Each structure stands twice: as structure tokens, then as C-alpha cells.
Amino acid sequence: MLIVFAVVAAVVLFAVAAAAVGRADGLEPVALDMPRPVLPDGPVTAVHVDELDFAVGLRGYRMDQVDVVLDRISAELATRDQYIAALERTIHAQPGIPPTA
């Protein structure tokens, strides 16, 4: 009797695990519980990042939303780095201003 119980428990456990990872017709797609986070046009500030909220999916934050925001922040930081480098070159091209390390 114990062997039958162990086999039934294993089958139930396998069915639940298969449904959880999408190998069965079990779980439905995650419904959007909030709109996609939006960053404003123009410069992104620390306040904008602090105010971001991502929808929570089955396994955590929705990766598609996080990826869009991280791509935008990455591009914004790259643009700022280029602008800062250009300003530093302009400043250091002035006579009498020593270059920084």
C-alpha cells in the first residue's frame, strides 16, 4: 500500500511541476495587472527611476518591462558620458587648465 501511495504522490507532484513550467495545458498566460512603466522623453533623472513600478508576474517582475527600462537608462547614461567627455575635452583644451587624471 505504501508503494501505491508513493507512486500516486510522485505522479501528482510531476503533474503540478509540469503545469508550473508550462509543459502541460495548465497555467494561463499572466494577465497584465498594471500598465507598462514609462520613462519621460528627455533626460532621465534619479527621481524617475525611483518612481518606477513594474508588474509582478508568475516568477517575479515582468522581464520585458524591466528590459525596456534598463535599455533606456543605459542609452541615457551613454549619452551623458559622451557629453561629459566632450565638455572635459573642451575645458582641457583651454590654455592654463591642467588635465585631470
N, C-alpha and C. Protein backbone atom coordinates (compact mmCIF):
# COMPACT_ATOMS: atom_id res chain seq x y z
N MET A 1 0.82 -1.20 0.00
CA MET A 1 0.00 0.00 0.00
C MET A 1 0.86 1.26 0.00
N LEU A 2 1.98 1.19 0.70
CA LEU A 2 2.88 2.34 0.77
C LEU A 2 3.46 2.66 -0.60
N ILE A 3 3.75 1.65 -1.38
CA ILE A 3 4.31 1.86 -2.72
C ILE A 3 3.29 2.53 -3.62
N VAL A 4 2.03 2.14 -3.53
CA VAL A 4 0.97 2.76 -4.34
C VAL A 4 0.83 4.24 -3.98
N PHE A 5 0.85 4.53 -2.68
CA PHE A 5 0.77 5.92 -2.22
C PHE A 5 1.95 6.74 -2.74
N ALA A 6 3.15 6.18 -2.69
CA ALA A 6 4.34 6.89 -3.17
C ALA A 6 4.26 7.14 -4.67
N VAL A 7 3.77 6.17 -5.43
CA VAL A 7 3.64 6.34 -6.89
C VAL A 7 2.59 7.41 -7.20
N VAL A 8 1.46 7.39 -6.52
CA VAL A 8 0.42 8.40 -6.75
C VAL A 8 0.95 9.79 -6.39
N ALA A 9 1.65 9.90 -5.28
CA ALA A 9 2.22 11.19 -4.88
C ALA A 9 3.23 11.68 -5.91
N ALA A 10 4.04 10.81 -6.44
CA ALA A 10 5.03 11.18 -7.45
C ALA A 10 4.34 11.66 -8.73
N VAL A 11 3.28 10.99 -9.15
CA VAL A 11 2.54 11.39 -10.35
C VAL A 11 1.90 12.76 -10.15
N VAL A 12 1.29 12.97 -9.00
CA VAL A 12 0.67 14.27 -8.72
C VAL A 12 1.74 15.36 -8.69
N LEU A 13 2.85 15.10 -8.04
CA LEU A 13 3.93 16.08 -7.98
C LEU A 13 4.47 16.40 -9.37
N PHE A 14 4.63 15.38 -10.22
CA PHE A 14 5.10 15.60 -11.58
C PHE A 14 4.09 16.43 -12.37
N ALA A 15 2.80 16.16 -12.22
CA ALA A 15 1.77 16.91 -12.94
C ALA A 15 1.76 18.37 -12.53
N VAL A 16 1.90 18.64 -11.26
CA VAL A 16 1.94 20.02 -10.78
C VAL A 16 3.19 20.73 -11.30
N ALA A 17 4.33 20.06 -11.26
CA ALA A 17 5.57 20.66 -11.76
C ALA A 17 5.49 20.91 -13.26
N ALA A 18 4.92 19.97 -14.02
CA ALA A 18 4.79 20.15 -15.47
C ALA A 18 3.87 21.31 -15.79
N ALA A 19 2.80 21.47 -15.04
CA ALA A 19 1.88 22.60 -15.27
C ALA A 19 2.57 23.91 -14.91
N ALA A 20 3.39 23.92 -13.87
CA ALA A 20 4.05 25.15 -13.43
C ALA A 20 5.08 25.65 -14.43
N VAL A 21 5.75 24.75 -15.13
CA VAL A 21 6.76 25.18 -16.09
C VAL A 21 6.21 25.24 -17.51
N GLY A 22 4.91 25.02 -17.67
CA GLY A 22 4.29 25.19 -18.97
C GLY A 22 4.36 23.99 -19.87
N ARG A 23 4.68 22.82 -19.38
CA ARG A 23 4.77 21.62 -20.19
C ARG A 23 3.39 20.96 -20.38
N ALA A 24 2.41 21.48 -19.71
CA ALA A 24 1.06 20.96 -19.86
C ALA A 24 0.15 22.13 -20.22
N ASP A 25 -1.12 21.88 -20.33
CA ASP A 25 -2.06 22.94 -20.65
C ASP A 25 -2.49 23.69 -19.40
N GLY A 26 -1.75 23.56 -18.31
CA GLY A 26 -2.14 24.06 -17.01
C GLY A 26 -2.29 25.55 -16.84
N LEU A 27 -1.22 26.28 -16.76
CA LEU A 27 -1.28 27.69 -16.40
C LEU A 27 -1.61 28.57 -17.59
N GLU A 28 -2.41 29.57 -17.34
CA GLU A 28 -2.75 30.54 -18.37
C GLU A 28 -1.68 31.62 -18.43
N PRO A 29 -1.61 32.35 -19.53
CA PRO A 29 -0.65 33.46 -19.59
C PRO A 29 -0.94 34.48 -18.50
N VAL A 30 0.10 35.13 -18.04
CA VAL A 30 -0.05 36.12 -16.98
C VAL A 30 -0.77 37.34 -17.53
N ALA A 31 -1.82 37.75 -16.85
CA ALA A 31 -2.56 38.94 -17.26
C ALA A 31 -1.83 40.18 -16.76
N LEU A 32 -1.85 41.22 -17.56
CA LEU A 32 -1.21 42.47 -17.15
C LEU A 32 -2.03 43.08 -16.02
N ASP A 33 -1.38 43.29 -14.88
CA ASP A 33 -2.10 43.87 -13.75
C ASP A 33 -1.83 45.36 -13.61
N MET A 34 -0.97 45.90 -14.46
CA MET A 34 -0.72 47.34 -14.46
C MET A 34 -0.08 47.71 -15.78
N PRO A 35 -0.17 48.98 -16.17
CA PRO A 35 0.39 49.38 -17.46
C PRO A 35 1.91 49.30 -17.47
N ARG A 36 2.45 49.27 -18.68
CA ARG A 36 3.90 49.25 -18.87
C ARG A 36 4.52 50.51 -18.27
N PRO A 37 5.63 50.39 -17.52
CA PRO A 37 6.27 51.58 -16.96
C PRO A 37 6.80 52.48 -18.07
N VAL A 38 6.66 53.77 -17.87
CA VAL A 38 7.05 54.73 -18.90
C VAL A 38 8.04 55.72 -18.31
N LEU A 39 9.12 55.92 -19.05
CA LEU A 39 10.06 56.99 -18.69
C LEU A 39 9.76 58.18 -19.59
N PRO A 40 9.89 59.39 -19.08
CA PRO A 40 9.57 60.57 -19.88
C PRO A 40 10.58 60.75 -21.02
N ASP A 41 10.16 61.48 -22.05
CA ASP A 41 11.10 61.85 -23.10
C ASP A 41 12.11 62.82 -22.50
N GLY A 42 13.31 62.81 -23.02
CA GLY A 42 14.34 63.69 -22.49
C GLY A 42 15.14 63.00 -21.41
N PRO A 43 15.89 63.78 -20.66
CA PRO A 43 16.77 63.20 -19.65
C PRO A 43 16.01 62.44 -18.56
N VAL A 44 16.59 61.33 -18.16
CA VAL A 44 16.02 60.52 -17.09
C VAL A 44 16.76 60.89 -15.81
N THR A 45 16.00 61.18 -14.78
CA THR A 45 16.61 61.57 -13.50
C THR A 45 16.46 60.44 -12.49
N ALA A 46 17.14 60.59 -11.37
CA ALA A 46 17.05 59.59 -10.30
C ALA A 46 15.61 59.49 -9.78
N VAL A 47 14.90 60.60 -9.78
CA VAL A 47 13.51 60.59 -9.31
C VAL A 47 12.66 59.71 -10.23
N HIS A 48 12.89 59.80 -11.54
CA HIS A 48 12.14 58.96 -12.48
C HIS A 48 12.38 57.48 -12.19
N VAL A 49 13.62 57.13 -11.95
CA VAL A 49 13.95 55.72 -11.67
C VAL A 49 13.34 55.29 -10.34
N ASP A 50 13.39 56.15 -9.33
CA ASP A 50 12.81 55.81 -8.03
C ASP A 50 11.30 55.59 -8.10
N GLU A 51 10.63 56.27 -9.02
CA GLU A 51 9.17 56.19 -9.12
C GLU A 51 8.69 55.04 -10.01
N LEU A 52 9.61 54.28 -10.61
CA LEU A 52 9.22 53.18 -11.49
C LEU A 52 8.60 52.04 -10.69
N ASP A 53 7.55 51.47 -11.23
CA ASP A 53 6.93 50.27 -10.67
C ASP A 53 6.73 49.29 -11.81
N PHE A 54 7.12 48.06 -11.58
CA PHE A 54 6.97 47.01 -12.57
C PHE A 54 5.88 46.05 -12.13
N ALA A 55 5.17 45.50 -13.10
CA ALA A 55 4.16 44.50 -12.80
C ALA A 55 4.86 43.21 -12.35
N VAL A 56 4.23 42.52 -11.43
CA VAL A 56 4.78 41.27 -10.94
C VAL A 56 4.13 40.13 -11.68
N GLY A 57 4.96 39.28 -12.27
CA GLY A 57 4.46 38.11 -12.99
C GLY A 57 4.59 36.87 -12.13
N LEU A 58 4.43 35.72 -12.75
CA LEU A 58 4.46 34.45 -12.03
C LEU A 58 5.80 34.22 -11.35
N ARG A 59 6.88 34.57 -12.01
CA ARG A 59 8.21 34.30 -11.47
C ARG A 59 8.94 35.56 -11.03
N GLY A 60 8.24 36.65 -10.81
CA GLY A 60 8.88 37.89 -10.38
C GLY A 60 8.44 39.04 -11.27
N TYR A 61 9.29 40.07 -11.36
CA TYR A 61 8.95 41.21 -12.22
C TYR A 61 8.91 40.77 -13.67
N ARG A 62 8.09 41.45 -14.45
CA ARG A 62 7.98 41.13 -15.87
C ARG A 62 9.26 41.54 -16.58
N MET A 63 9.97 40.56 -17.10
CA MET A 63 11.29 40.82 -17.70
C MET A 63 11.21 41.76 -18.89
N ASP A 64 10.13 41.70 -19.67
CA ASP A 64 10.04 42.57 -20.83
C ASP A 64 9.98 44.04 -20.40
N GLN A 65 9.28 44.33 -19.31
CA GLN A 65 9.21 45.70 -18.82
C GLN A 65 10.56 46.16 -18.27
N VAL A 66 11.20 45.31 -17.50
CA VAL A 66 12.49 45.66 -16.92
C VAL A 66 13.53 45.87 -18.02
N ASP A 67 13.53 45.02 -19.04
CA ASP A 67 14.49 45.15 -20.14
C ASP A 67 14.34 46.47 -20.88
N VAL A 68 13.10 46.89 -21.14
CA VAL A 68 12.87 48.16 -21.83
C VAL A 68 13.41 49.33 -21.02
N VAL A 69 13.15 49.33 -19.72
CA VAL A 69 13.61 50.43 -18.87
C VAL A 69 15.13 50.42 -18.76
N LEU A 70 15.73 49.25 -18.58
CA LEU A 70 17.19 49.19 -18.47
C LEU A 70 17.87 49.60 -19.77
N ASP A 71 17.30 49.25 -20.92
CA ASP A 71 17.85 49.69 -22.19
C ASP A 71 17.80 51.21 -22.31
N ARG A 72 16.70 51.79 -21.88
CA ARG A 72 16.55 53.26 -21.95
C ARG A 72 17.55 53.94 -21.01
N ILE A 73 17.68 53.45 -19.80
CA ILE A 73 18.62 54.04 -18.85
C ILE A 73 20.05 53.88 -19.35
N SER A 74 20.37 52.74 -19.91
CA SER A 74 21.71 52.51 -20.45
C SER A 74 22.03 53.50 -21.56
N ALA A 75 21.08 53.71 -22.47
CA ALA A 75 21.29 54.66 -23.56
C ALA A 75 21.45 56.08 -23.03
N GLU A 76 20.65 56.42 -22.04
CA GLU A 76 20.73 57.76 -21.44
C GLU A 76 22.08 57.97 -20.77
N LEU A 77 22.57 56.98 -20.05
CA LEU A 77 23.88 57.10 -19.40
C LEU A 77 25.01 57.20 -20.42
N ALA A 78 24.91 56.45 -21.51
CA ALA A 78 25.94 56.53 -22.55
C ALA A 78 25.97 57.92 -23.18
N THR A 79 24.79 58.49 -23.41
CA THR A 79 24.72 59.84 -23.97
C THR A 79 25.34 60.85 -23.01
N ARG A 80 25.03 60.72 -21.73
CA ARG A 80 25.60 61.64 -20.74
C ARG A 80 27.12 61.49 -20.64
N ASP A 81 27.61 60.27 -20.69
CA ASP A 81 29.05 60.04 -20.63
C ASP A 81 29.75 60.70 -21.82
N GLN A 82 29.16 60.59 -23.00
CA GLN A 82 29.74 61.23 -24.18
C GLN A 82 29.74 62.74 -24.03
N TYR A 83 28.66 63.29 -23.51
CA TYR A 83 28.56 64.74 -23.31
C TYR A 83 29.58 65.22 -22.29
N ILE A 84 29.73 64.50 -21.21
CA ILE A 84 30.71 64.86 -20.18
C ILE A 84 32.13 64.80 -20.75
N ALA A 85 32.42 63.75 -21.51
CA ALA A 85 33.75 63.63 -22.12
C ALA A 85 34.02 64.78 -23.07
N ALA A 86 33.01 65.18 -23.86
CA ALA A 86 33.19 66.31 -24.78
C ALA A 86 33.44 67.60 -24.01
N LEU A 87 32.71 67.80 -22.92
CA LEU A 87 32.93 69.00 -22.10
C LEU A 87 34.32 69.01 -21.48
N GLU A 88 34.76 67.86 -21.00
CA GLU A 88 36.10 67.78 -20.41
C GLU A 88 37.18 68.07 -21.45
N ARG A 89 37.00 67.56 -22.67
CA ARG A 89 37.96 67.87 -23.73
C ARG A 89 37.99 69.36 -24.03
N THR A 90 36.82 69.98 -24.03
CA THR A 90 36.74 71.42 -24.28
C THR A 90 37.43 72.20 -23.18
N ILE A 91 37.19 71.82 -21.95
CA ILE A 91 37.81 72.52 -20.80
C ILE A 91 39.33 72.36 -20.84
N HIS A 92 39.79 71.15 -21.10
CA HIS A 92 41.22 70.89 -21.05
C HIS A 92 41.95 71.43 -22.27
N ALA A 93 41.20 71.78 -23.30
CA ALA A 93 41.82 72.43 -24.46
C ALA A 93 42.12 73.90 -24.19
N GLN A 94 41.54 74.44 -23.13
CA GLN A 94 41.79 75.83 -22.76
C GLN A 94 43.22 75.95 -22.23
N PRO A 95 43.92 77.00 -22.60
CA PRO A 95 45.29 77.17 -22.10
C PRO A 95 45.30 77.41 -20.59
N GLY A 96 46.25 76.78 -19.93
CA GLY A 96 46.43 77.00 -18.48
C GLY A 96 45.60 76.07 -17.60
N ILE A 97 44.80 75.19 -18.16
CA ILE A 97 44.00 74.26 -17.35
C ILE A 97 44.65 72.89 -17.48
N PRO A 98 45.14 72.34 -16.37
CA PRO A 98 45.82 71.04 -16.44
C PRO A 98 44.80 69.92 -16.62
N PRO A 99 45.20 68.85 -17.32
CA PRO A 99 44.29 67.70 -17.47
C PRO A 99 44.14 66.97 -16.15
N THR A 100 42.97 66.34 -15.98
CA THR A 100 42.74 65.54 -14.77
C THR A 100 43.21 64.12 -15.03
N ALA A 101 43.47 63.41 -13.94
CA ALA A 101 43.98 62.03 -14.06
C ALA A 101 42.92 61.07 -14.46
